[in-house]
Amino acid sequence: MFSQTSRVVAILAVLGGVAQCALGLVIATGFIGPYEAVLARYTSASSSGEVINHATYAILLGLALGTLAEIGIAVRKKAAASRRQD
């Protein structure tokens, strides 16, 4: 159960990081309005680069957690298969 929960959290972290990265890029390009106004309205960061950095950290955290969850699931399946053979 813990591995499944970790997998869900990892997916949410990656999706949130991608959304945050997209927001940082949209703010940086000035697509939705003046830079300072949009930055103050949608984030608490001091710059769009900081938003993108936080997004990168979230994506990396999600990938690492997802990898560990997949390893845990594979180990559990392998242990269950070896118990059935005995």
C-alpha atoms as a PDB file:
ATOM      1  CA  MET A   1       0.000   0.000   0.000  1.00  0.00           C
ATOM      2  CA  PHE A   2       2.845   2.414   0.787  1.00  0.00           C
ATOM      3  CA  SER A   3       4.353   1.843  -2.662  1.00  0.00           C
ATOM      4  CA  GLN A   4       1.060   2.621  -4.360  1.00  0.00           C
ATOM      5  CA  THR A   5       0.664   5.803  -2.322  1.00  0.00           C
ATOM      6  CA  SER A   6       4.218   6.808  -3.194  1.00  0.00           C
ATOM      7  CA  ARG A   7       3.462   6.248  -6.854  1.00  0.00           C
ATOM      8  CA  VAL A   8       0.412   8.543  -6.691  1.00  0.00           C
ATOM      9  CA  VAL A   9       2.367  11.248  -4.840  1.00  0.00           C
ATOM     10  CA  ALA A  10       5.163  10.985  -7.407  1.00  0.00           C
ATOM     11  CA  ILE A  11       2.741  11.419 -10.299  1.00  0.00           C
ATOM     12  CA  LEU A  12       1.153  14.434  -8.622  1.00  0.00           C
ATOM     13  CA  ALA A  13       4.582  15.964  -7.940  1.00  0.00           C
ATOM     14  CA  VAL A  14       5.627  15.587 -11.574  1.00  0.00           C
ATOM     15  CA  LEU A  15       2.341  16.998 -12.883  1.00  0.00           C
ATOM     16  CA  GLY A  16       2.492  19.905 -10.435  1.00  0.00           C
ATOM     17  CA  GLY A  17       6.096  20.593 -11.382  1.00  0.00           C
ATOM     18  CA  VAL A  18       5.270  20.604 -15.081  1.00  0.00           C
ATOM     19  CA  ALA A  19       2.360  22.996 -14.476  1.00  0.00           C
ATOM     20  CA  GLN A  20       4.566  25.255 -12.375  1.00  0.00           C
ATOM     21  CA  CYS A  21       7.279  25.211 -15.041  1.00  0.00           C
ATOM     22  CA  ALA A  22       4.729  26.166 -17.677  1.00  0.00           C
ATOM     23  CA  LEU A  23       3.543  29.010 -15.450  1.00  0.00           C
ATOM     24  CA  GLY A  24       7.115  30.227 -15.041  1.00  0.00           C
ATOM     25  CA  LEU A  25       7.656  30.199 -18.777  1.00  0.00           C
ATOM     26  CA  VAL A  26       4.385  32.003 -19.445  1.00  0.00           C
ATOM     27  CA  ILE A  27       5.304  34.665 -16.881  1.00  0.00           C
ATOM     28  CA  ALA A  28       8.801  35.029 -18.345  1.00  0.00           C
ATOM     29  CA  THR A  29       7.473  35.622 -21.850  1.00  0.00           C
ATOM     30  CA  GLY A  30       4.926  38.184 -20.685  1.00  0.00           C
ATOM     31  CA  PHE A  31       2.158  36.297 -22.455  1.00  0.00           C
ATOM     32  CA  ILE A  32      -0.588  36.977 -19.893  1.00  0.00           C
ATOM     33  CA  GLY A  33       0.343  40.484 -18.790  1.00  0.00           C
ATOM     34  CA  PRO A  34       2.998  42.730 -17.341  1.00  0.00           C
ATOM     35  CA  TYR A  35       5.831  40.768 -15.725  1.00  0.00           C
ATOM     36  CA  GLU A  36       5.750  42.186 -12.170  1.00  0.00           C
ATOM     37  CA  ALA A  37       1.960  42.197 -11.918  1.00  0.00           C
ATOM     38  CA  VAL A  38       1.558  38.612 -13.086  1.00  0.00           C
ATOM     39  CA  LEU A  39       4.464  37.418 -10.942  1.00  0.00           C
ATOM     40  CA  ALA A  40       2.976  39.009  -7.817  1.00  0.00           C
ATOM     41  CA  ARG A  41      -0.515  37.736  -8.596  1.00  0.00           C
ATOM     42  CA  TYR A  42       0.226  34.072  -9.311  1.00  0.00           C
ATOM     43  CA  THR A  43       3.385  33.313  -7.285  1.00  0.00           C
ATOM     44  CA  SER A  44       5.262  34.348  -4.190  1.00  0.00           C
ATOM     45  CA  ALA A  45       8.610  34.057  -5.983  1.00  0.00           C
ATOM     46  CA  SER A  46      10.865  36.992  -6.691  1.00  0.00           C
ATOM     47  CA  SER A  47      11.405  36.068 -10.354  1.00  0.00           C
ATOM     48  CA  SER A  48      10.183  33.692 -13.031  1.00  0.00           C
ATOM     49  CA  GLY A  49      13.529  31.884 -12.843  1.00  0.00           C
ATOM     50  CA  GLU A  50      12.833  31.029  -9.224  1.00  0.00           C
ATOM     51  CA  VAL A  51       9.444  29.589 -10.233  1.00  0.00           C
ATOM     52  CA  ILE A  52      11.129  27.429 -12.859  1.00  0.00           C
ATOM     53  CA  ASN A  53      13.793  26.300 -10.354  1.00  0.00           C
ATOM     54  CA  HIS A  54      11.130  25.201  -7.862  1.00  0.00           C
ATOM     55  CA  ALA A  55       9.329  23.375 -10.658  1.00  0.00           C
ATOM     56  CA  THR A  56      12.533  21.556 -11.584  1.00  0.00           C
ATOM     57  CA  TYR A  57      12.986  20.462  -7.965  1.00  0.00           C
ATOM     58  CA  ALA A  58       9.408  19.172  -7.841  1.00  0.00           C
ATOM     59  CA  ILE A  59       9.874  17.217 -11.065  1.00  0.00           C
ATOM     60  CA  LEU A  60      13.139  15.689  -9.845  1.00  0.00           C
ATOM     61  CA  LEU A  61      11.568  14.788  -6.496  1.00  0.00           C
ATOM     62  CA  GLY A  62       8.639  13.151  -8.298  1.00  0.00           C
ATOM     63  CA  LEU A  63      10.936  11.166 -10.563  1.00  0.00           C
ATOM     64  CA  ALA A  64      13.059   9.965  -7.642  1.00  0.00           C
ATOM     65  CA  LEU A  65      10.032   9.003  -5.563  1.00  0.00           C
ATOM     66  CA  GLY A  66       8.435   7.277  -8.545  1.00  0.00           C
ATOM     67  CA  THR A  67      11.601   5.284  -9.172  1.00  0.00           C
ATOM     68  CA  LEU A  68      11.712   4.149  -5.548  1.00  0.00           C
ATOM     69  CA  ALA A  69       8.028   3.237  -5.644  1.00  0.00           C
ATOM     70  CA  GLU A  70       8.509   1.155  -8.787  1.00  0.00           C
ATOM     71  CA  ILE A  71      11.477  -0.640  -7.213  1.00  0.00           C
ATOM     72  CA  GLY A  72       9.369  -1.398  -4.138  1.00  0.00           C
ATOM     73  CA  ILE A  73       6.512  -2.749  -6.229  1.00  0.00           C
ATOM     74  CA  ALA A  74       8.883  -4.929  -8.290  1.00  0.00           C
ATOM     75  CA  VAL A  75      10.548  -6.333  -5.162  1.00  0.00           C
ATOM     76  CA  ARG A  76       7.174  -7.139  -3.616  1.00  0.00           C
ATOM     77  CA  LYS A  77       6.017  -8.920  -6.796  1.00  0.00           C
ATOM     78  CA  LYS A  78       9.240 -10.898  -6.988  1.00  0.00           C
ATOM     79  CA  ALA A  79       8.986 -11.939  -3.334  1.00  0.00           C
ATOM     80  CA  ALA A  80       5.378 -13.014  -3.817  1.00  0.00           C
ATOM     81  CA  ALA A  81       6.298 -15.061  -6.896  1.00  0.00           C
ATOM     82  CA  SER A  82       9.128 -16.821  -5.078  1.00  0.00           C
ATOM     83  CA  ARG A  83       6.804 -17.669  -2.155  1.00  0.00           C
ATOM     84  CA  ARG A  84       4.315 -19.232  -4.559  1.00  0.00           C
ATOM     85  CA  GLN A  85       7.014 -21.419  -6.086  1.00  0.00           C
ATOM     86  CA  ASP A  86       8.124 -22.790  -2.701  1.00  0.00           C
END
